[in-house]
Amino acid sequence: MKPIEDLKTEHEAVKMTLRVLDSMINDAEKTGQIKNPGHLGQLIEFFRTFVDKCHHCKEEDLLFPALEEVGVSQEEGPIGVMLKEHQQGRDCVAKMNAALVRYNDGEREAVNDLIKNGREYIALLNLHIDKENNVLFPIADKHLSAEKQAELWEGFETIETQKIGEGRHEEFHKMIASLDKIYLH
């Protein structure tokens, strides 16, 4: 598989979790509570580990430097925008996690912070994924040689095992499938 296709495939998994999060938030808006805080905790762990430590790491540590090598600017180009949005996503996830901790400690008003930050994260990531798929990734496909892409693919495989651990990728996909059945079907 080409590295850009791998990132796009991961985007599809992320979009599914965003739909699950949206379903949870819609329910929380109606009821004023989180039906299953454990499921929300699983999503937050997915966002922290799979999205940030694995997916964003592949981009930040390997893809973006490769693009800079072929002349794509970080400051004035799409890379700078993507890096800023990665940080905004981390901030949203940290706020969701803090609100979930407060909620689990009995502070029921924290549901409002969960809703607010969840909505912000969903909007941010959906736009972010669209920009990467339709702007940044075509640039990468056009300008990165086959040799460089093969090197990226090897690096992506290393990141998956070193950053999140052997078998974690598959565990996350099972979790996503399980939550999909509960919240989206």
N, C-alpha and C. Protein backbone atom coordinates (compact mmCIF):
# COMPACT_ATOMS: atom_id res chain seq x y z
N MET A 1 0.85 -1.19 0.00
CA MET A 1 0.00 0.00 0.00
C MET A 1 0.89 1.24 0.00
N LYS A 2 0.45 2.26 -0.70
CA LYS A 2 1.18 3.52 -0.70
C LYS A 2 0.90 4.26 0.61
N PRO A 3 1.86 5.04 1.09
CA PRO A 3 1.68 5.72 2.38
C PRO A 3 0.48 6.69 2.39
N ILE A 4 0.23 7.34 1.29
CA ILE A 4 -0.90 8.28 1.24
C ILE A 4 -2.22 7.51 1.33
N GLU A 5 -2.29 6.36 0.68
CA GLU A 5 -3.50 5.53 0.77
C GLU A 5 -3.71 5.05 2.21
N ASP A 6 -2.61 4.72 2.89
CA ASP A 6 -2.69 4.32 4.30
C ASP A 6 -3.29 5.44 5.14
N LEU A 7 -2.82 6.65 4.94
CA LEU A 7 -3.35 7.79 5.70
C LEU A 7 -4.82 8.03 5.38
N LYS A 8 -5.21 7.88 4.13
CA LYS A 8 -6.62 8.04 3.75
C LYS A 8 -7.49 6.96 4.39
N THR A 9 -6.98 5.73 4.45
CA THR A 9 -7.71 4.65 5.09
C THR A 9 -7.89 4.96 6.58
N GLU A 10 -6.84 5.46 7.20
CA GLU A 10 -6.96 5.85 8.61
C GLU A 10 -7.97 6.97 8.78
N HIS A 11 -8.03 7.88 7.82
CA HIS A 11 -9.03 8.95 7.88
C HIS A 11 -10.45 8.39 7.92
N GLU A 12 -10.70 7.33 7.18
CA GLU A 12 -12.02 6.73 7.19
C GLU A 12 -12.37 6.19 8.58
N ALA A 13 -11.41 5.58 9.24
CA ALA A 13 -11.63 5.09 10.62
C ALA A 13 -11.91 6.26 11.55
N VAL A 14 -11.16 7.34 11.39
CA VAL A 14 -11.36 8.53 12.23
C VAL A 14 -12.75 9.11 11.99
N LYS A 15 -13.15 9.20 10.73
CA LYS A 15 -14.48 9.75 10.44
C LYS A 15 -15.59 8.92 11.06
N MET A 16 -15.39 7.59 11.11
CA MET A 16 -16.40 6.75 11.75
C MET A 16 -16.47 7.07 13.24
N THR A 17 -15.33 7.24 13.89
CA THR A 17 -15.36 7.56 15.32
C THR A 17 -15.97 8.93 15.56
N LEU A 18 -15.78 9.84 14.63
CA LEU A 18 -16.41 11.16 14.77
C LEU A 18 -17.92 11.04 14.68
N ARG A 19 -18.41 10.15 13.82
CA ARG A 19 -19.87 9.92 13.74
C ARG A 19 -20.40 9.30 15.03
N VAL A 20 -19.61 8.39 15.62
CA VAL A 20 -20.00 7.80 16.90
C VAL A 20 -20.04 8.88 17.97
N LEU A 21 -19.00 9.72 18.02
CA LEU A 21 -18.96 10.81 18.99
C LEU A 21 -20.15 11.74 18.79
N ASP A 22 -20.48 12.04 17.56
CA ASP A 22 -21.63 12.89 17.26
C ASP A 22 -22.91 12.28 17.80
N SER A 23 -23.08 10.98 17.63
CA SER A 23 -24.26 10.29 18.16
C SER A 23 -24.31 10.39 19.68
N MET A 24 -23.18 10.19 20.33
CA MET A 24 -23.12 10.31 21.79
C MET A 24 -23.47 11.72 22.25
N ILE A 25 -22.96 12.70 21.54
CA ILE A 25 -23.21 14.10 21.90
C ILE A 25 -24.67 14.45 21.67
N ASN A 26 -25.24 14.00 20.57
CA ASN A 26 -26.67 14.26 20.33
C ASN A 26 -27.51 13.70 21.46
N ASP A 27 -27.18 12.49 21.91
CA ASP A 27 -27.90 11.88 23.03
C ASP A 27 -27.70 12.68 24.32
N ALA A 28 -26.47 13.13 24.54
CA ALA A 28 -26.18 13.92 25.75
C ALA A 28 -26.93 15.25 25.74
N GLU A 29 -27.08 15.85 24.57
CA GLU A 29 -27.83 17.10 24.48
C GLU A 29 -29.30 16.88 24.84
N LYS A 30 -29.84 15.74 24.45
CA LYS A 30 -31.24 15.44 24.74
C LYS A 30 -31.47 15.07 26.20
N THR A 31 -30.53 14.32 26.76
CA THR A 31 -30.74 13.75 28.10
C THR A 31 -29.99 14.48 29.21
N GLY A 32 -28.97 15.27 28.85
CA GLY A 32 -28.17 15.94 29.87
C GLY A 32 -27.17 15.02 30.55
N GLN A 33 -26.99 13.83 29.98
CA GLN A 33 -26.02 12.91 30.58
C GLN A 33 -25.34 12.08 29.50
N ILE A 34 -24.22 11.48 29.88
CA ILE A 34 -23.50 10.57 29.00
C ILE A 34 -24.01 9.17 29.30
N LYS A 35 -24.62 8.54 28.31
CA LYS A 35 -25.23 7.22 28.50
C LYS A 35 -24.20 6.19 28.95
N ASN A 36 -23.05 6.17 28.31
CA ASN A 36 -22.01 5.22 28.67
C ASN A 36 -20.66 5.92 28.68
N PRO A 37 -20.25 6.46 29.84
CA PRO A 37 -18.97 7.17 29.92
C PRO A 37 -17.78 6.31 29.52
N GLY A 38 -17.87 5.00 29.72
CA GLY A 38 -16.79 4.10 29.32
C GLY A 38 -16.55 4.12 27.81
N HIS A 39 -17.64 4.19 27.05
CA HIS A 39 -17.50 4.27 25.60
C HIS A 39 -16.85 5.58 25.18
N LEU A 40 -17.24 6.67 25.85
CA LEU A 40 -16.62 7.95 25.54
C LEU A 40 -15.14 7.91 25.90
N GLY A 41 -14.81 7.27 26.99
CA GLY A 41 -13.40 7.10 27.37
C GLY A 41 -12.63 6.33 26.31
N GLN A 42 -13.26 5.31 25.72
CA GLN A 42 -12.61 4.55 24.64
C GLN A 42 -12.34 5.44 23.43
N LEU A 43 -13.30 6.30 23.10
CA LEU A 43 -13.10 7.22 21.97
C LEU A 43 -11.96 8.18 22.26
N ILE A 44 -11.94 8.73 23.46
CA ILE A 44 -10.87 9.67 23.82
C ILE A 44 -9.52 8.97 23.73
N GLU A 45 -9.44 7.73 24.20
CA GLU A 45 -8.19 6.97 24.09
C GLU A 45 -7.82 6.77 22.62
N PHE A 46 -8.79 6.50 21.78
CA PHE A 46 -8.55 6.38 20.33
C PHE A 46 -7.98 7.68 19.78
N PHE A 47 -8.61 8.80 20.14
CA PHE A 47 -8.15 10.10 19.63
C PHE A 47 -6.72 10.40 20.11
N ARG A 48 -6.43 10.08 21.35
CA ARG A 48 -5.10 10.36 21.91
C ARG A 48 -4.04 9.42 21.33
N THR A 49 -4.38 8.17 21.18
CA THR A 49 -3.38 7.18 20.79
C THR A 49 -3.33 6.97 19.28
N PHE A 50 -4.45 6.57 18.69
CA PHE A 50 -4.45 6.28 17.26
C PHE A 50 -4.30 7.56 16.44
N VAL A 51 -5.15 8.54 16.70
CA VAL A 51 -5.13 9.76 15.89
C VAL A 51 -3.84 10.54 16.13
N ASP A 52 -3.51 10.79 17.39
CA ASP A 52 -2.37 11.67 17.66
C ASP A 52 -1.03 10.94 17.63
N LYS A 53 -0.88 9.89 18.41
CA LYS A 53 0.42 9.23 18.50
C LYS A 53 0.79 8.43 17.27
N CYS A 54 -0.20 7.97 16.53
CA CYS A 54 0.08 7.16 15.34
C CYS A 54 -0.10 7.99 14.06
N HIS A 55 -1.33 8.37 13.77
CA HIS A 55 -1.63 9.04 12.50
C HIS A 55 -0.90 10.38 12.38
N HIS A 56 -1.07 11.25 13.36
CA HIS A 56 -0.42 12.56 13.28
C HIS A 56 1.10 12.43 13.33
N CYS A 57 1.59 11.43 14.05
CA CYS A 57 3.03 11.20 14.11
C CYS A 57 3.57 10.82 12.73
N LYS A 58 2.84 10.00 12.00
CA LYS A 58 3.26 9.64 10.64
C LYS A 58 3.40 10.89 9.79
N GLU A 59 2.46 11.80 9.96
CA GLU A 59 2.50 13.03 9.17
C GLU A 59 3.61 13.97 9.66
N GLU A 60 3.64 14.22 10.96
CA GLU A 60 4.58 15.21 11.50
C GLU A 60 6.03 14.76 11.44
N ASP A 61 6.28 13.48 11.72
CA ASP A 61 7.66 12.99 11.76
C ASP A 61 8.19 12.57 10.40
N LEU A 62 7.31 12.17 9.48
CA LEU A 62 7.78 11.62 8.21
C LEU A 62 7.26 12.36 6.97
N LEU A 63 5.94 12.46 6.84
CA LEU A 63 5.39 13.04 5.62
C LEU A 63 5.73 14.53 5.48
N PHE A 64 5.50 15.31 6.52
CA PHE A 64 5.73 16.75 6.40
C PHE A 64 7.20 17.06 6.11
N PRO A 65 8.16 16.44 6.82
CA PRO A 65 9.56 16.70 6.46
C PRO A 65 9.89 16.29 5.02
N ALA A 66 9.30 15.19 4.55
CA ALA A 66 9.53 14.76 3.16
C ALA A 66 8.99 15.81 2.18
N LEU A 67 7.85 16.39 2.51
CA LEU A 67 7.28 17.43 1.65
C LEU A 67 8.13 18.70 1.69
N GLU A 68 8.65 19.02 2.85
CA GLU A 68 9.53 20.19 2.94
C GLU A 68 10.79 19.99 2.09
N GLU A 69 11.29 18.77 2.04
CA GLU A 69 12.48 18.46 1.23
C GLU A 69 12.24 18.74 -0.25
N VAL A 70 11.00 18.60 -0.69
CA VAL A 70 10.70 18.85 -2.11
C VAL A 70 10.12 20.25 -2.34
N GLY A 71 10.24 21.12 -1.32
CA GLY A 71 9.89 22.52 -1.50
C GLY A 71 8.55 22.99 -0.99
N VAL A 72 7.80 22.14 -0.31
CA VAL A 72 6.53 22.59 0.25
C VAL A 72 6.84 23.33 1.55
N SER A 73 6.40 24.59 1.62
CA SER A 73 6.71 25.44 2.77
C SER A 73 5.87 25.08 3.99
N GLN A 74 6.53 25.11 5.15
CA GLN A 74 5.79 24.86 6.38
C GLN A 74 5.06 26.12 6.82
N GLU A 75 5.74 27.25 6.84
CA GLU A 75 5.15 28.48 7.38
C GLU A 75 3.99 29.00 6.55
N GLU A 76 4.18 29.03 5.24
CA GLU A 76 3.18 29.68 4.39
C GLU A 76 2.34 28.69 3.59
N GLY A 77 2.50 27.43 3.87
CA GLY A 77 1.79 26.44 3.08
C GLY A 77 0.88 25.56 3.91
N PRO A 78 0.42 24.50 3.29
CA PRO A 78 -0.54 23.62 3.96
C PRO A 78 0.04 22.90 5.19
N ILE A 79 1.34 22.69 5.22
CA ILE A 79 1.92 21.99 6.37
C ILE A 79 1.71 22.79 7.66
N GLY A 80 1.94 24.08 7.59
CA GLY A 80 1.74 24.92 8.77
C GLY A 80 0.31 24.89 9.27
N VAL A 81 -0.63 24.89 8.34
CA VAL A 81 -2.05 24.81 8.70
C VAL A 81 -2.34 23.47 9.38
N MET A 82 -1.80 22.39 8.81
CA MET A 82 -2.05 21.06 9.37
C MET A 82 -1.46 20.95 10.79
N LEU A 83 -0.25 21.47 10.99
CA LEU A 83 0.37 21.42 12.31
C LEU A 83 -0.45 22.19 13.34
N LYS A 84 -0.95 23.35 12.95
CA LYS A 84 -1.78 24.15 13.85
C LYS A 84 -3.06 23.39 14.21
N GLU A 85 -3.66 22.76 13.22
CA GLU A 85 -4.90 22.02 13.47
C GLU A 85 -4.64 20.77 14.31
N HIS A 86 -3.49 20.13 14.14
CA HIS A 86 -3.15 18.99 15.01
C HIS A 86 -3.13 19.45 16.46
N GLN A 87 -2.53 20.61 16.72
CA GLN A 87 -2.47 21.11 18.10
C GLN A 87 -3.86 21.48 18.61
N GLN A 88 -4.68 22.08 17.77
CA GLN A 88 -6.05 22.40 18.18
C GLN A 88 -6.81 21.12 18.53
N GLY A 89 -6.59 20.07 17.77
CA GLY A 89 -7.23 18.79 18.06
C GLY A 89 -6.78 18.23 19.40
N ARG A 90 -5.47 18.30 19.66
CA ARG A 90 -4.95 17.84 20.96
C ARG A 90 -5.61 18.60 22.11
N ASP A 91 -5.76 19.90 21.92
CA ASP A 91 -6.38 20.73 22.95
C ASP A 91 -7.83 20.31 23.19
N CYS A 92 -8.58 20.07 22.12
CA CYS A 92 -9.98 19.63 22.26
C CYS A 92 -10.06 18.31 22.99
N VAL A 93 -9.20 17.37 22.63
CA VAL A 93 -9.23 16.05 23.26
C VAL A 93 -8.88 16.17 24.74
N ALA A 94 -7.89 17.00 25.07
CA ALA A 94 -7.52 17.19 26.48
C ALA A 94 -8.70 17.77 27.26
N LYS A 95 -9.42 18.71 26.66
CA LYS A 95 -10.58 19.31 27.33
C LYS A 95 -11.72 18.30 27.47
N MET A 96 -11.92 17.47 26.45
CA MET A 96 -12.95 16.42 26.56
C MET A 96 -12.58 15.45 27.68
N ASN A 97 -11.32 15.08 27.73
CA ASN A 97 -10.88 14.14 28.78
C ASN A 97 -11.06 14.75 30.17
N ALA A 98 -10.67 16.00 30.33
CA ALA A 98 -10.83 16.67 31.63
C ALA A 98 -12.31 16.73 32.02
N ALA A 99 -13.17 17.03 31.06
CA ALA A 99 -14.62 17.09 31.34
C ALA A 99 -15.16 15.70 31.68
N LEU A 100 -14.66 14.66 31.01
CA LEU A 100 -15.11 13.31 31.32
C LEU A 100 -14.68 12.90 32.73
N VAL A 101 -13.48 13.26 33.12
CA VAL A 101 -13.01 12.98 34.49
C VAL A 101 -13.94 13.67 35.49
N ARG A 102 -14.24 14.94 35.24
CA ARG A 102 -15.14 15.67 36.15
C ARG A 102 -16.53 15.03 36.17
N TYR A 103 -17.02 14.64 35.00
CA TYR A 103 -18.33 13.99 34.91
C TYR A 103 -18.33 12.70 35.71
N ASN A 104 -17.31 11.89 35.54
CA ASN A 104 -17.21 10.62 36.27
C ASN A 104 -17.06 10.83 37.77
N ASP A 105 -16.56 11.99 38.16
CA ASP A 105 -16.44 12.33 39.59
C ASP A 105 -17.73 12.90 40.16
N GLY A 106 -18.79 12.93 39.34
CA GLY A 106 -20.09 13.37 39.82
C GLY A 106 -20.49 14.77 39.44
N GLU A 107 -19.64 15.48 38.74
CA GLU A 107 -19.96 16.85 38.32
C GLU A 107 -20.75 16.79 37.01
N ARG A 108 -22.06 16.68 37.13
CA ARG A 108 -22.91 16.45 35.97
C ARG A 108 -22.93 17.61 34.97
N GLU A 109 -22.60 18.83 35.45
CA GLU A 109 -22.57 19.98 34.54
C GLU A 109 -21.43 19.86 33.53
N ALA A 110 -20.46 18.99 33.81
CA ALA A 110 -19.33 18.80 32.90
C ALA A 110 -19.80 18.27 31.54
N VAL A 111 -21.02 17.73 31.49
CA VAL A 111 -21.55 17.25 30.21
C VAL A 111 -21.58 18.38 29.20
N ASN A 112 -21.80 19.61 29.65
CA ASN A 112 -21.84 20.75 28.73
C ASN A 112 -20.47 21.00 28.09
N ASP A 113 -19.40 20.83 28.87
CA ASP A 113 -18.05 20.97 28.31
C ASP A 113 -17.74 19.83 27.34
N LEU A 114 -18.22 18.64 27.67
CA LEU A 114 -18.04 17.51 26.76
C LEU A 114 -18.72 17.78 25.43
N ILE A 115 -19.93 18.28 25.49
CA ILE A 115 -20.69 18.58 24.27
C ILE A 115 -19.97 19.66 23.46
N LYS A 116 -19.59 20.74 24.10
CA LYS A 116 -18.94 21.86 23.42
C LYS A 116 -17.63 21.43 22.76
N ASN A 117 -16.77 20.78 23.53
CA ASN A 117 -15.47 20.39 22.99
C ASN A 117 -15.59 19.24 21.99
N GLY A 118 -16.55 18.36 22.19
CA GLY A 118 -16.80 17.29 21.23
C GLY A 118 -17.23 17.85 19.88
N ARG A 119 -18.16 18.80 19.91
CA ARG A 119 -18.62 19.44 18.66
C ARG A 119 -17.46 20.15 17.96
N GLU A 120 -16.64 20.84 18.74
CA GLU A 120 -15.49 21.55 18.17
C GLU A 120 -14.53 20.55 17.51
N TYR A 121 -14.27 19.44 18.18
CA TYR A 121 -13.35 18.44 17.66
C TYR A 121 -13.90 17.81 16.37
N ILE A 122 -15.17 17.49 16.36
CA ILE A 122 -15.80 16.90 15.17
C ILE A 122 -15.67 17.85 13.99
N ALA A 123 -16.01 19.12 14.18
CA ALA A 123 -15.94 20.10 13.10
C ALA A 123 -14.49 20.27 12.62
N LEU A 124 -13.57 20.40 13.56
CA LEU A 124 -12.16 20.59 13.24
C LEU A 124 -11.63 19.41 12.42
N LEU A 125 -11.84 18.20 12.91
CA LEU A 125 -11.26 17.04 12.23
C LEU A 125 -11.91 16.76 10.88
N ASN A 126 -13.20 16.97 10.76
CA ASN A 126 -13.82 16.76 9.45
C ASN A 126 -13.25 17.71 8.41
N LEU A 127 -13.07 18.98 8.76
CA LEU A 127 -12.46 19.94 7.83
C LEU A 127 -10.99 19.60 7.58
N HIS A 128 -10.30 19.22 8.63
CA HIS A 128 -8.88 18.87 8.54
C HIS A 128 -8.68 17.69 7.58
N ILE A 129 -9.47 16.66 7.75
CA ILE A 129 -9.36 15.48 6.89
C ILE A 129 -9.65 15.86 5.43
N ASP A 130 -10.64 16.71 5.22
CA ASP A 130 -10.97 17.15 3.87
C ASP A 130 -9.78 17.89 3.24
N LYS A 131 -9.13 18.76 4.01
CA LYS A 131 -7.97 19.50 3.49
C LYS A 131 -6.83 18.55 3.17
N GLU A 132 -6.56 17.60 4.05
CA GLU A 132 -5.47 16.68 3.78
C GLU A 132 -5.76 15.82 2.55
N ASN A 133 -6.96 15.25 2.50
CA ASN A 133 -7.32 14.38 1.38
C ASN A 133 -7.32 15.10 0.04
N ASN A 134 -7.77 16.36 0.03
CA ASN A 134 -7.98 17.06 -1.23
C ASN A 134 -6.92 18.09 -1.59
N VAL A 135 -6.06 18.47 -0.64
CA VAL A 135 -5.01 19.45 -0.93
C VAL A 135 -3.63 18.85 -0.68
N LEU A 136 -3.36 18.47 0.55
CA LEU A 136 -2.02 18.04 0.92
C LEU A 136 -1.63 16.71 0.28
N PHE A 137 -2.50 15.72 0.34
CA PHE A 137 -2.14 14.40 -0.17
C PHE A 137 -1.91 14.39 -1.68
N PRO A 138 -2.70 15.11 -2.48
CA PRO A 138 -2.38 15.17 -3.91
C PRO A 138 -1.00 15.80 -4.17
N ILE A 139 -0.62 16.78 -3.36
CA ILE A 139 0.71 17.37 -3.48
C ILE A 139 1.77 16.30 -3.22
N ALA A 140 1.55 15.52 -2.17
CA ALA A 140 2.50 14.45 -1.83
C ALA A 140 2.59 13.43 -2.95
N ASP A 141 1.45 12.99 -3.47
CA ASP A 141 1.47 12.00 -4.55
C ASP A 141 2.19 12.53 -5.79
N LYS A 142 2.05 13.81 -6.05
CA LYS A 142 2.66 14.41 -7.24
C LYS A 142 4.17 14.60 -7.08
N HIS A 143 4.61 14.97 -5.88
CA HIS A 143 6.01 15.40 -5.72
C HIS A 143 6.94 14.40 -5.05
N LEU A 144 6.40 13.38 -4.41
CA LEU A 144 7.28 12.41 -3.74
C LEU A 144 7.55 11.23 -4.66
N SER A 145 8.82 10.92 -4.82
CA SER A 145 9.23 9.81 -5.69
C SER A 145 8.74 8.48 -5.14
N ALA A 146 8.74 7.48 -5.98
CA ALA A 146 8.35 6.13 -5.56
C ALA A 146 9.29 5.64 -4.46
N GLU A 147 10.56 5.96 -4.56
CA GLU A 147 11.53 5.56 -3.54
C GLU A 147 11.21 6.22 -2.20
N LYS A 148 10.89 7.50 -2.24
CA LYS A 148 10.56 8.23 -1.01
C LYS A 148 9.28 7.67 -0.41
N GLN A 149 8.32 7.36 -1.25
CA GLN A 149 7.06 6.80 -0.73
C GLN A 149 7.29 5.43 -0.11
N ALA A 150 8.17 4.63 -0.68
CA ALA A 150 8.49 3.33 -0.09
C ALA A 150 9.17 3.52 1.27
N GLU A 151 10.03 4.51 1.34
CA GLU A 151 10.69 4.84 2.62
C GLU A 151 9.67 5.29 3.66
N LEU A 152 8.71 6.11 3.24
CA LEU A 152 7.65 6.56 4.14
C LEU A 152 6.83 5.37 4.65
N TRP A 153 6.50 4.45 3.73
CA TRP A 153 5.71 3.28 4.11
C TRP A 153 6.42 2.48 5.21
N GLU A 154 7.71 2.27 5.05
CA GLU A 154 8.48 1.55 6.07
C GLU A 154 8.46 2.31 7.39
N GLY A 155 8.61 3.62 7.31
CA GLY A 155 8.56 4.45 8.52
C GLY A 155 7.20 4.39 9.19
N PHE A 156 6.14 4.36 8.40
CA PHE A 156 4.78 4.28 8.95
C PHE A 156 4.61 2.98 9.73
N GLU A 157 5.11 1.89 9.17
CA GLU A 157 5.02 0.59 9.84
C GLU A 157 5.76 0.63 11.18
N THR A 158 6.91 1.26 11.21
CA THR A 158 7.70 1.38 12.44
C THR A 158 6.95 2.20 13.48
N ILE A 159 6.35 3.30 13.05
CA ILE A 159 5.58 4.15 13.98
C ILE A 159 4.45 3.35 14.60
N GLU A 160 3.73 2.58 13.79
CA GLU A 160 2.60 1.80 14.32
C GLU A 160 3.04 0.87 15.44
N THR A 161 4.16 0.21 15.28
CA THR A 161 4.58 -0.74 16.32
C THR A 161 5.27 -0.03 17.48
N GLN A 162 6.07 1.00 17.20
CA GLN A 162 6.82 1.65 18.28
C GLN A 162 5.99 2.65 19.08
N LYS A 163 5.13 3.39 18.43
CA LYS A 163 4.39 4.46 19.12
C LYS A 163 3.13 3.96 19.82
N ILE A 164 2.44 3.00 19.19
CA ILE A 164 1.19 2.55 19.83
C ILE A 164 1.25 1.09 20.25
N GLY A 165 2.22 0.35 19.74
CA GLY A 165 2.39 -1.04 20.18
C GLY A 165 1.85 -2.05 19.19
N GLU A 166 2.46 -3.20 19.21
CA GLU A 166 2.08 -4.31 18.33
C GLU A 166 0.62 -4.71 18.60
N GLY A 167 -0.15 -4.80 17.53
CA GLY A 167 -1.54 -5.24 17.64
C GLY A 167 -2.54 -4.18 18.05
N ARG A 168 -2.08 -3.01 18.49
CA ARG A 168 -3.00 -1.94 18.93
C ARG A 168 -3.88 -1.44 17.80
N HIS A 169 -3.29 -1.32 16.63
CA HIS A 169 -4.03 -0.85 15.45
C HIS A 169 -5.26 -1.71 15.24
N GLU A 170 -5.09 -3.02 15.31
CA GLU A 170 -6.19 -3.96 15.11
C GLU A 170 -7.20 -3.87 16.25
N GLU A 171 -6.71 -3.69 17.48
CA GLU A 171 -7.61 -3.54 18.63
C GLU A 171 -8.51 -2.32 18.45
N PHE A 172 -7.93 -1.23 17.98
CA PHE A 172 -8.72 -0.03 17.76
C PHE A 172 -9.78 -0.26 16.69
N HIS A 173 -9.44 -0.97 15.64
CA HIS A 173 -10.43 -1.24 14.59
C HIS A 173 -11.58 -2.10 15.12
N LYS A 174 -11.29 -3.05 16.01
CA LYS A 174 -12.36 -3.84 16.63
C LYS A 174 -13.24 -2.96 17.51
N MET A 175 -12.63 -2.06 18.27
CA MET A 175 -13.39 -1.15 19.11
C MET A 175 -14.31 -0.27 18.26
N ILE A 176 -13.77 0.25 17.15
CA ILE A 176 -14.56 1.10 16.27
C ILE A 176 -15.76 0.32 15.73
N ALA A 177 -15.54 -0.90 15.30
CA ALA A 177 -16.63 -1.73 14.77
C ALA A 177 -17.70 -1.97 15.84
N SER A 178 -17.26 -2.21 17.07
CA SER A 178 -18.20 -2.45 18.17
C SER A 178 -19.03 -1.19 18.46
N LEU A 179 -18.37 -0.04 18.55
CA LEU A 179 -19.09 1.21 18.83
C LEU A 179 -19.99 1.60 17.66
N ASP A 180 -19.54 1.30 16.45
CA ASP A 180 -20.37 1.55 15.26
C ASP A 180 -21.70 0.81 15.37
N LYS A 181 -21.65 -0.45 15.78
CA LYS A 181 -22.88 -1.25 15.91
C LYS A 181 -23.81 -0.68 16.97
N ILE A 182 -23.22 -0.18 18.05
CA ILE A 182 -24.02 0.34 19.17
C ILE A 182 -24.64 1.70 18.83
N TYR A 183 -23.86 2.59 18.25
CA TYR A 183 -24.29 3.99 18.09
C TYR A 183 -24.77 4.39 16.70
N LEU A 184 -24.40 3.62 15.69
CA LEU A 184 -24.74 4.05 14.34
C LEU A 184 -25.68 3.10 13.59
N HIS A 185 -26.04 1.99 14.22
CA HIS A 185 -26.95 1.06 13.54
C HIS A 185 -28.14 0.71 14.40
